Protein backbone atom coordinates (compact mmCIF):
# COMPACT_ATOMS: atom_id res chain seq x y z
CA MET A 1 -131.55 6.50 23.33
CA LEU A 2 -131.99 3.34 25.39
CA HIS A 3 -132.99 0.58 22.98
CA ASP A 4 -133.22 -2.62 25.00
CA ILE A 5 -133.16 -4.01 28.49
CA CYS A 6 -132.91 -7.80 28.21
CA VAL A 7 -133.50 -10.02 31.21
CA SER A 8 -133.48 -13.70 32.05
CA LYS A 9 -136.46 -14.90 34.03
CA THR A 10 -134.69 -17.97 35.51
CA GLY A 11 -133.85 -16.36 38.84
CA THR A 12 -137.21 -14.67 38.98
CA LEU A 13 -139.06 -17.95 38.59
CA THR A 14 -136.97 -20.03 40.97
CA ASN A 15 -136.17 -17.45 43.66
CA GLY A 16 -138.97 -14.93 43.23
CA GLU A 17 -136.45 -12.14 42.63
CA MET A 18 -134.12 -10.85 39.94
CA SER A 19 -130.62 -9.43 40.12
CA VAL A 20 -128.28 -7.93 37.56
CA VAL A 21 -125.23 -10.16 37.02
CA LYS A 22 -124.08 -8.83 33.63
CA TYR A 23 -124.74 -5.74 31.60
CA GLN A 24 -123.72 -4.60 28.14
CA ILE A 25 -123.59 -1.06 26.84
CA CYS A 26 -122.65 -0.99 23.18
CA ASP A 27 -119.70 -3.39 22.88
CA ASP A 28 -118.72 -3.14 26.56
CA LEU A 29 -119.89 -6.34 28.32
CA LYS A 30 -119.28 -6.46 32.07
CA ALA A 31 -120.04 -9.04 34.75
CA ILE A 32 -121.20 -8.15 38.22
CA ASP A 33 -120.66 -11.67 39.56
CA ASN A 34 -117.44 -13.67 39.52
CA ASP A 35 -117.87 -15.04 36.01
CA PRO A 36 -114.31 -15.77 34.79
CA ILE A 37 -115.30 -15.08 31.17
CA TYR A 38 -115.97 -11.39 31.83
CA ASP A 39 -114.09 -8.78 33.81
CA PRO A 40 -116.02 -7.84 36.97
CA ASP A 41 -117.06 -4.21 37.03
CA ASN A 42 -118.81 -1.65 39.19
CA PHE A 43 -121.24 0.36 37.07
CA ASN A 44 -120.60 3.68 38.80
CA LYS A 45 -116.81 3.27 38.73
CA SER A 46 -116.53 2.03 35.15
CA GLN A 47 -114.10 4.09 33.11
CA ASN A 48 -115.45 2.66 29.83
CA ILE A 49 -118.93 4.15 30.21
CA SER A 50 -119.35 7.91 30.00
CA ASP A 51 -120.99 9.71 32.91
CA ASP A 52 -123.71 10.94 30.54
CA ILE A 53 -124.65 7.37 29.58
CA LYS A 54 -124.62 6.25 33.24
CA LEU A 55 -126.90 9.14 34.15
CA TYR A 56 -129.20 8.36 31.23
CA ILE A 57 -129.53 4.69 32.26
CA LYS A 58 -130.27 5.68 35.86
CA GLU A 59 -132.89 8.18 34.71
CA CYS A 60 -134.52 5.53 32.50
CA ILE A 61 -134.80 3.17 35.45
CA TYR A 62 -136.11 5.86 37.81
CA SER A 63 -138.61 7.18 35.27
CA ASN A 64 -140.07 3.78 34.43
CA THR A 65 -140.48 2.10 37.79
CA ASP A 66 -143.33 1.62 40.24
CA VAL A 67 -140.98 0.21 42.88
CA ARG A 68 -141.52 1.40 46.43
CA ILE A 69 -138.80 1.53 49.06
CA GLU A 70 -139.48 0.06 52.50
CA MET A 71 -137.33 -0.11 55.61
CA ASP A 72 -136.24 -3.65 56.52
CA ASP A 73 -136.12 -3.60 60.32
CA GLU A 74 -133.92 -6.71 60.52
CA LYS A 75 -131.31 -5.46 58.03
CA MET A 76 -131.75 -1.80 59.03
CA SER A 77 -131.65 -0.79 55.38
CA TYR A 78 -134.00 0.19 52.59
CA VAL A 79 -135.37 -2.63 50.45
CA PRO A 80 -137.12 -2.19 47.10
CA LYS A 81 -140.54 -3.85 46.76
CA GLY A 82 -142.64 -4.43 43.68
CA GLU A 83 -142.45 -6.20 40.34
CA PRO A 84 -139.35 -8.48 40.27
CA ILE A 85 -137.69 -7.06 37.13
CA GLU A 86 -138.05 -3.48 38.34
CA VAL A 87 -136.87 -4.46 41.83
CA GLY A 88 -133.80 -6.10 40.26
CA LEU A 89 -132.94 -2.93 38.35
CA VAL A 90 -133.41 -0.74 41.44
CA LYS A 91 -131.30 -3.16 43.52
CA PHE A 92 -128.59 -2.81 40.84
CA LEU A 93 -128.59 0.95 41.46
CA LEU A 94 -128.56 0.49 45.24
CA GLU A 95 -125.64 -1.94 45.03
CA ASN A 96 -123.72 0.65 43.03
CA GLY A 97 -124.08 3.32 45.70
CA GLU A 98 -127.00 5.21 44.20
CA ASN A 99 -129.20 7.07 46.70
CA VAL A 100 -132.40 5.44 45.43
CA PRO A 101 -134.71 6.48 48.30
CA GLU A 102 -133.85 10.14 47.79
CA MET A 103 -134.31 9.92 44.02
CA LEU A 104 -137.66 8.14 44.29
CA ILE A 105 -138.95 10.59 46.91
CA SER A 106 -137.91 13.57 44.79
CA ARG A 107 -139.97 12.18 41.88
CA ASN A 108 -143.23 12.18 43.86
């Protein structure tokens, strides 16, 4: 069971967008950025998180988002649009190699 998703609104307020820079699953705290206090990690490649838990977290994000995916003609890539916290979580999945457009289309 997923109990909590905790976020900081600082980036959302100042930049108008949110991104995942750290995550914690049970006692396993990982940094996405270059924070020297924590070991950097890639969510999909983490050996400390079981595949079942990774899948469950992805499903929770997919099942509870109203994000839409649009093509950015300048970047020639898909960009999530919508509420900043949900966009940040979907960008986290995209940055970890998840095929978000396919998953969102299959849900409709």
